[in-house]
Amino acid sequence: MTEIKSFQIGMGWFSEQPGGLNRYYYDCCQYLPQADIKITGLLAGSHQVAQDSKGQVTAFASPNDSLLQRWLK
């Protein structure tokens, strides 16, 4: 079987910033690996995201950063 790799970009991490889109993203990161799909992701959040996602997802900026600040990182 061919390995499937997926790069996911999210708005925020559900446990830090509730909302429908963040819940969908969180669930994809939880359940796609169970279907043998490797997940790598980026979003705005805290350093806790990497720990909660077992290193699959990394926060590249704080959710409080402006859009310009996020682009410059």
PDB file of N, CA and C in Angstrom:
ATOM      1  N   MET A   1       0.834  -1.174   0.000  1.00  0.00           N
ATOM      2  CA  MET A   1       0.000   0.000   0.000  1.00  0.00           C
ATOM      3  C   MET A   1       0.884   1.245   0.000  1.00  0.00           C
ATOM      4  N   THR A   2       0.477   2.263  -0.720  1.00  0.00           N
ATOM      5  CA  THR A   2       1.191   3.523  -0.798  1.00  0.00           C
ATOM      6  C   THR A   2       0.930   4.343   0.461  1.00  0.00           C
ATOM      7  N   GLU A   3       1.984   4.916   1.020  1.00  0.00           N
ATOM      8  CA  GLU A   3       1.831   5.758   2.199  1.00  0.00           C
ATOM      9  C   GLU A   3       1.231   7.107   1.789  1.00  0.00           C
ATOM     10  N   ILE A   4       0.236   7.550   2.519  1.00  0.00           N
ATOM     11  CA  ILE A   4      -0.390   8.835   2.256  1.00  0.00           C
ATOM     12  C   ILE A   4       0.099   9.826   3.300  1.00  0.00           C
ATOM     13  N   LYS A   5       0.587  10.972   2.831  1.00  0.00           N
ATOM     14  CA  LYS A   5       1.031  12.036   3.718  1.00  0.00           C
ATOM     15  C   LYS A   5       0.156  13.255   3.458  1.00  0.00           C
ATOM     16  N   SER A   6      -0.230  13.931   4.526  1.00  0.00           N
ATOM     17  CA  SER A   6      -1.123  15.073   4.405  1.00  0.00           C
ATOM     18  C   SER A   6      -0.565  16.249   5.199  1.00  0.00           C
ATOM     19  N   PHE A   7      -0.506  17.414   4.562  1.00  0.00           N
ATOM     20  CA  PHE A   7      -0.083  18.635   5.239  1.00  0.00           C
ATOM     21  C   PHE A   7      -1.337  19.460   5.514  1.00  0.00           C
ATOM     22  N   GLN A   8      -1.611  19.707   6.777  1.00  0.00           N
ATOM     23  CA  GLN A   8      -2.825  20.397   7.192  1.00  0.00           C
ATOM     24  C   GLN A   8      -2.479  21.781   7.744  1.00  0.00           C
ATOM     25  N   ILE A   9      -3.188  22.804   7.305  1.00  0.00           N
ATOM     26  CA  ILE A   9      -3.027  24.156   7.847  1.00  0.00           C
ATOM     27  C   ILE A   9      -4.323  24.511   8.557  1.00  0.00           C
ATOM     28  N   GLY A  10      -4.203  24.885   9.830  1.00  0.00           N
ATOM     29  CA  GLY A  10      -5.392  25.190  10.615  1.00  0.00           C
ATOM     30  C   GLY A  10      -5.396  26.614  11.136  1.00  0.00           C
ATOM     31  N   MET A  11      -6.554  27.040  11.598  1.00  0.00           N
ATOM     32  CA  MET A  11      -6.697  28.371  12.208  1.00  0.00           C
ATOM     33  C   MET A  11      -6.234  28.339  13.657  1.00  0.00           C
ATOM     34  N   GLY A  12      -6.648  27.321  14.400  1.00  0.00           N
ATOM     35  CA  GLY A  12      -6.319  27.218  15.816  1.00  0.00           C
ATOM     36  C   GLY A  12      -6.564  25.808  16.316  1.00  0.00           C
ATOM     37  N   TRP A  13      -6.107  25.534  17.514  1.00  0.00           N
ATOM     38  CA  TRP A  13      -6.237  24.216  18.136  1.00  0.00           C
ATOM     39  C   TRP A  13      -7.496  24.215  18.990  1.00  0.00           C
ATOM     40  N   PHE A  14      -8.342  23.211  18.835  1.00  0.00           N
ATOM     41  CA  PHE A  14      -9.672  23.196  19.432  1.00  0.00           C
ATOM     42  C   PHE A  14      -9.657  23.380  20.947  1.00  0.00           C
ATOM     43  N   SER A  15      -8.726  22.759  21.652  1.00  0.00           N
ATOM     44  CA  SER A  15      -8.709  22.890  23.118  1.00  0.00           C
ATOM     45  C   SER A  15      -8.317  24.301  23.568  1.00  0.00           C
ATOM     46  N   GLU A  16      -7.689  25.062  22.687  1.00  0.00           N
ATOM     47  CA  GLU A  16      -7.272  26.433  23.015  1.00  0.00           C
ATOM     48  C   GLU A  16      -8.232  27.483  22.463  1.00  0.00           C
ATOM     49  N   GLN A  17      -8.890  27.151  21.374  1.00  0.00           N
ATOM     50  CA  GLN A  17      -9.742  28.118  20.682  1.00  0.00           C
ATOM     51  C   GLN A  17     -10.933  27.368  20.079  1.00  0.00           C
ATOM     52  N   PRO A  18     -12.029  27.222  20.857  1.00  0.00           N
ATOM     53  CA  PRO A  18     -13.176  26.460  20.369  1.00  0.00           C
ATOM     54  C   PRO A  18     -13.776  27.059  19.098  1.00  0.00           C
ATOM     55  N   GLY A  19     -14.378  26.206  18.316  1.00  0.00           N
ATOM     56  CA  GLY A  19     -15.047  26.633  17.091  1.00  0.00           C
ATOM     57  C   GLY A  19     -15.175  25.457  16.137  1.00  0.00           C
ATOM     58  N   GLY A  20     -16.085  25.558  15.207  1.00  0.00           N
ATOM     59  CA  GLY A  20     -16.353  24.453  14.289  1.00  0.00           C
ATOM     60  C   GLY A  20     -15.178  24.069  13.421  1.00  0.00           C
ATOM     61  N   LEU A  21     -14.502  25.065  12.815  1.00  0.00           N
ATOM     62  CA  LEU A  21     -13.356  24.776  11.965  1.00  0.00           C
ATOM     63  C   LEU A  21     -12.228  24.153  12.776  1.00  0.00           C
ATOM     64  N   ASN A  22     -11.974  24.680  13.965  1.00  0.00           N
ATOM     65  CA  ASN A  22     -10.905  24.148  14.807  1.00  0.00           C
ATOM     66  C   ASN A  22     -11.233  22.733  15.287  1.00  0.00           C
ATOM     67  N   ARG A  23     -12.502  22.455  15.535  1.00  0.00           N
ATOM     68  CA  ARG A  23     -12.918  21.110  15.938  1.00  0.00           C
ATOM     69  C   ARG A  23     -12.696  20.126  14.787  1.00  0.00           C
ATOM     70  N   TYR A  24     -13.056  20.526  13.582  1.00  0.00           N
ATOM     71  CA  TYR A  24     -12.868  19.684  12.401  1.00  0.00           C
ATOM     72  C   TYR A  24     -11.385  19.371  12.197  1.00  0.00           C
ATOM     73  N   TYR A  25     -10.551  20.398  12.309  1.00  0.00           N
ATOM     74  CA  TYR A  25      -9.103  20.240  12.150  1.00  0.00           C
ATOM     75  C   TYR A  25      -8.552  19.295  13.214  1.00  0.00           C
ATOM     76  N   TYR A  26      -8.948  19.516  14.463  1.00  0.00           N
ATOM     77  CA  TYR A  26      -8.510  18.683  15.592  1.00  0.00           C
ATOM     78  C   TYR A  26      -8.888  17.224  15.348  1.00  0.00           C
ATOM     79  N   ASP A  27     -10.125  16.990  14.930  1.00  0.00           N
ATOM     80  CA  ASP A  27     -10.572  15.622  14.680  1.00  0.00           C
ATOM     81  C   ASP A  27      -9.820  14.979  13.522  1.00  0.00           C
ATOM     82  N   CYS A  28      -9.538  15.718  12.468  1.00  0.00           N
ATOM     83  CA  CYS A  28      -8.736  15.179  11.359  1.00  0.00           C
ATOM     84  C   CYS A  28      -7.370  14.731  11.866  1.00  0.00           C
ATOM     85  N   CYS A  29      -6.770  15.539  12.716  1.00  0.00           N
ATOM     86  CA  CYS A  29      -5.449  15.205  13.258  1.00  0.00           C
ATOM     87  C   CYS A  29      -5.506  14.001  14.186  1.00  0.00           C
ATOM     88  N   GLN A  30      -6.651  13.773  14.813  1.00  0.00           N
ATOM     89  CA  GLN A  30      -6.815  12.630  15.706  1.00  0.00           C
ATOM     90  C   GLN A  30      -7.103  11.336  14.944  1.00  0.00           C
ATOM     91  N   TYR A  31      -7.937  11.413  13.912  1.00  0.00           N
ATOM     92  CA  TYR A  31      -8.455  10.199  13.290  1.00  0.00           C
ATOM     93  C   TYR A  31      -7.815   9.801  11.971  1.00  0.00           C
ATOM     94  N   LEU A  32      -7.254  10.725  11.210  1.00  0.00           N
ATOM     95  CA  LEU A  32      -6.607  10.337   9.952  1.00  0.00           C
ATOM     96  C   LEU A  32      -5.433   9.382  10.168  1.00  0.00           C
ATOM     97  N   PRO A  33      -4.604   9.575  11.208  1.00  0.00           N
ATOM     98  CA  PRO A  33      -3.526   8.602  11.431  1.00  0.00           C
ATOM     99  C   PRO A  33      -4.041   7.173  11.677  1.00  0.00           C
ATOM    100  N   GLN A  34      -5.246   7.037  12.203  1.00  0.00           N
ATOM    101  CA  GLN A  34      -5.829   5.708  12.406  1.00  0.00           C
ATOM    102  C   GLN A  34      -6.154   5.033  11.073  1.00  0.00           C
ATOM    103  N   ALA A  35      -6.253   5.841  10.016  1.00  0.00           N
ATOM    104  CA  ALA A  35      -6.488   5.323   8.662  1.00  0.00           C
ATOM    105  C   ALA A  35      -5.180   5.267   7.869  1.00  0.00           C
ATOM    106  N   ASP A  36      -4.039   5.264   8.591  1.00  0.00           N
ATOM    107  CA  ASP A  36      -2.698   5.205   7.994  1.00  0.00           C
ATOM    108  C   ASP A  36      -2.388   6.404   7.104  1.00  0.00           C
ATOM    109  N   ILE A  37      -2.881   7.572   7.483  1.00  0.00           N
ATOM    110  CA  ILE A  37      -2.563   8.816   6.794  1.00  0.00           C
ATOM    111  C   ILE A  37      -1.697   9.637   7.726  1.00  0.00           C
ATOM    112  N   LYS A  38      -0.475   9.913   7.301  1.00  0.00           N
ATOM    113  CA  LYS A  38       0.461  10.665   8.133  1.00  0.00           C
ATOM    114  C   LYS A  38       0.125  12.155   8.059  1.00  0.00           C
ATOM    115  N   ILE A  39      -0.007  12.781   9.221  1.00  0.00           N
ATOM    116  CA  ILE A  39      -0.387  14.188   9.310  1.00  0.00           C
ATOM    117  C   ILE A  39       0.799  15.039   9.749  1.00  0.00           C
ATOM    118  N   THR A  40       0.982  16.157   9.085  1.00  0.00           N
ATOM    119  CA  THR A  40       1.879  17.219   9.510  1.00  0.00           C
ATOM    120  C   THR A  40       1.068  18.495   9.405  1.00  0.00           C
ATOM    121  N   GLY A  41       1.113  19.332  10.455  1.00  0.00           N
ATOM    122  CA  GLY A  41       0.268  20.510  10.416  1.00  0.00           C
ATOM    123  C   GLY A  41       0.892  21.748  11.030  1.00  0.00           C
ATOM    124  N   LEU A  42       0.341  22.887  10.641  1.00  0.00           N
ATOM    125  CA  LEU A  42       0.729  24.198  11.173  1.00  0.00           C
ATOM    126  C   LEU A  42      -0.532  24.972  11.518  1.00  0.00           C
ATOM    127  N   LEU A  43      -0.443  25.742  12.599  1.00  0.00           N
ATOM    128  CA  LEU A  43      -1.551  26.603  12.982  1.00  0.00           C
ATOM    129  C   LEU A  43      -1.079  27.664  13.960  1.00  0.00           C
ATOM    130  N   ALA A  44      -1.961  28.586  14.279  1.00  0.00           N
ATOM    131  CA  ALA A  44      -1.674  29.599  15.293  1.00  0.00           C
ATOM    132  C   ALA A  44      -2.135  29.047  16.632  1.00  0.00           C
ATOM    133  N   GLY A  45      -1.205  28.963  17.585  1.00  0.00           N
ATOM    134  CA  GLY A  45      -1.537  28.419  18.896  1.00  0.00           C
ATOM    135  C   GLY A  45      -0.331  28.483  19.813  1.00  0.00           C
ATOM    136  N   SER A  46      -0.403  27.760  20.912  1.00  0.00           N
ATOM    137  CA  SER A  46       0.689  27.748  21.888  1.00  0.00           C
ATOM    138  C   SER A  46       1.637  26.584  21.602  1.00  0.00           C
ATOM    139  N   HIS A  47       2.719  26.540  22.368  1.00  0.00           N
ATOM    140  CA  HIS A  47       3.674  25.433  22.233  1.00  0.00           C
ATOM    141  C   HIS A  47       3.067  24.113  22.706  1.00  0.00           C
ATOM    142  N   GLN A  48       1.988  24.190  23.454  1.00  0.00           N
ATOM    143  CA  GLN A  48       1.305  22.992  23.954  1.00  0.00           C
ATOM    144  C   GLN A  48       0.710  22.156  22.816  1.00  0.00           C
ATOM    145  N   VAL A  49       0.435  22.789  21.692  1.00  0.00           N
ATOM    146  CA  VAL A  49      -0.161  22.088  20.545  1.00  0.00           C
ATOM    147  C   VAL A  49       0.727  20.925  20.106  1.00  0.00           C
ATOM    148  N   ALA A  50       2.020  21.142  20.019  1.00  0.00           N
ATOM    149  CA  ALA A  50       2.940  20.074  19.594  1.00  0.00           C
ATOM    150  C   ALA A  50       2.882  18.902  20.558  1.00  0.00           C
ATOM    151  N   GLN A  51       2.788  19.199  21.830  1.00  0.00           N
ATOM    152  CA  GLN A  51       2.719  18.134  22.829  1.00  0.00           C
ATOM    153  C   GLN A  51       1.380  17.390  22.732  1.00  0.00           C
ATOM    154  N   ASP A  52       0.283  18.140  22.617  1.00  0.00           N
ATOM    155  CA  ASP A  52      -1.047  17.526  22.526  1.00  0.00           C
ATOM    156  C   ASP A  52      -1.206  16.671  21.276  1.00  0.00           C
ATOM    157  N   SER A  53      -0.538  17.056  20.189  1.00  0.00           N
ATOM    158  CA  SER A  53      -0.687  16.341  18.915  1.00  0.00           C
ATOM    159  C   SER A  53       0.416  15.307  18.694  1.00  0.00           C
ATOM    160  N   LYS A  54       1.199  15.047  19.715  1.00  0.00           N
ATOM    161  CA  LYS A  54       2.316  14.085  19.611  1.00  0.00           C
ATOM    162  C   LYS A  54       3.286  14.479  18.505  1.00  0.00           C
ATOM    163  N   GLY A  55       3.512  15.790  18.371  1.00  0.00           N
ATOM    164  CA  GLY A  55       4.474  16.303  17.409  1.00  0.00           C
ATOM    165  C   GLY A  55       3.980  16.419  15.982  1.00  0.00           C
ATOM    166  N   GLN A  56       2.731  16.088  15.736  1.00  0.00           N
ATOM    167  CA  GLN A  56       2.195  16.154  14.374  1.00  0.00           C
ATOM    168  C   GLN A  56       1.939  17.595  13.929  1.00  0.00           C
ATOM    169  N   VAL A  57       1.514  18.436  14.875  1.00  0.00           N
ATOM    170  CA  VAL A  57       1.115  19.805  14.552  1.00  0.00           C
ATOM    171  C   VAL A  57       2.001  20.775  15.324  1.00  0.00           C
ATOM    172  N   THR A  58       2.434  21.837  14.651  1.00  0.00           N
ATOM    173  CA  THR A  58       3.289  22.854  15.257  1.00  0.00           C
ATOM    174  C   THR A  58       2.602  24.210  15.159  1.00  0.00           C
ATOM    175  N   ALA A  59       2.698  24.971  16.243  1.00  0.00           N
ATOM    176  CA  ALA A  59       2.186  26.342  16.220  1.00  0.00           C
ATOM    177  C   ALA A  59       3.300  27.246  15.705  1.00  0.00           C
ATOM    178  N   PHE A  60       3.015  27.991  14.655  1.00  0.00           N
ATOM    179  CA  PHE A  60       4.034  28.873  14.076  1.00  0.00           C
ATOM    180  C   PHE A  60       3.897  30.308  14.583  1.00  0.00           C
ATOM    181  N   ALA A  61       2.772  30.619  15.244  1.00  0.00           N
ATOM    182  CA  ALA A  61       2.525  31.972  15.755  1.00  0.00           C
ATOM    183  C   ALA A  61       1.493  31.889  16.865  1.00  0.00           C
ATOM    184  N   SER A  62       1.410  32.948  17.636  1.00  0.00           N
ATOM    185  CA  SER A  62       0.387  33.057  18.673  1.00  0.00           C
ATOM    186  C   SER A  62      -0.943  33.436  18.018  1.00  0.00           C
ATOM    187  N   PRO A  63      -2.055  32.955  18.558  1.00  0.00           N
ATOM    188  CA  PRO A  63      -3.345  33.357  17.994  1.00  0.00           C
ATOM    189  C   PRO A  63      -3.604  34.858  18.153  1.00  0.00           C
ATOM    190  N   ASN A  64      -2.865  35.508  19.033  1.00  0.00           N
ATOM    191  CA  ASN A  64      -3.029  36.949  19.252  1.00  0.00           C
ATOM    192  C   ASN A  64      -2.206  37.795  18.284  1.00  0.00           C
ATOM    193  N   ASP A  65      -1.312  37.168  17.517  1.00  0.00           N
ATOM    194  CA  ASP A  65      -0.504  37.903  16.549  1.00  0.00           C
ATOM    195  C   ASP A  65      -1.380  38.415  15.401  1.00  0.00           C
ATOM    196  N   SER A  66      -1.045  39.572  14.896  1.00  0.00           N
ATOM    197  CA  SER A  66      -1.769  40.102  13.732  1.00  0.00           C
ATOM    198  C   SER A  66      -1.439  39.260  12.499  1.00  0.00           C
ATOM    199  N   LEU A  67      -2.216  39.429  11.470  1.00  0.00           N
ATOM    200  CA  LEU A  67      -1.961  38.701  10.228  1.00  0.00           C
ATOM    201  C   LEU A  67      -0.584  39.028   9.680  1.00  0.00           C
ATOM    202  N   LEU A  68      -0.189  40.276   9.741  1.00  0.00           N
ATOM    203  CA  LEU A  68       1.143  40.673   9.267  1.00  0.00           C
ATOM    204  C   LEU A  68       2.233  39.985  10.081  1.00  0.00           C
ATOM    205  N   GLN A  69       2.082  39.935  11.379  1.00  0.00           N
ATOM    206  CA  GLN A  69       3.066  39.250  12.227  1.00  0.00           C
ATOM    207  C   GLN A  69       3.161  37.774  11.869  1.00  0.00           C
ATOM    208  N   ARG A  70       2.025  37.170  11.598  1.00  0.00           N
ATOM    209  CA  ARG A  70       2.028  35.749  11.227  1.00  0.00           C
ATOM    210  C   ARG A  70       2.746  35.532   9.898  1.00  0.00           C
ATOM    211  N   TRP A  71       2.517  36.414   8.936  1.00  0.00           N
ATOM    212  CA  TRP A  71       3.166  36.277   7.628  1.00  0.00           C
ATOM    213  C   TRP A  71       4.684  36.416   7.735  1.00  0.00           C
ATOM    214  N   LEU A  72       5.141  37.231   8.645  1.00  0.00           N
ATOM    215  CA  LEU A  72       6.577  37.495   8.778  1.00  0.00           C
ATOM    216  C   LEU A  72       7.319  36.389   9.521  1.00  0.00           C
ATOM    217  N   LYS A  73       6.617  35.471  10.114  1.00  0.00           N
ATOM    218  CA  LYS A  73       7.274  34.399  10.883  1.00  0.00           C
ATOM    219  C   LYS A  73       7.692  33.266  10.014  1.00  0.00           C
TER     220      LYS A  73
END
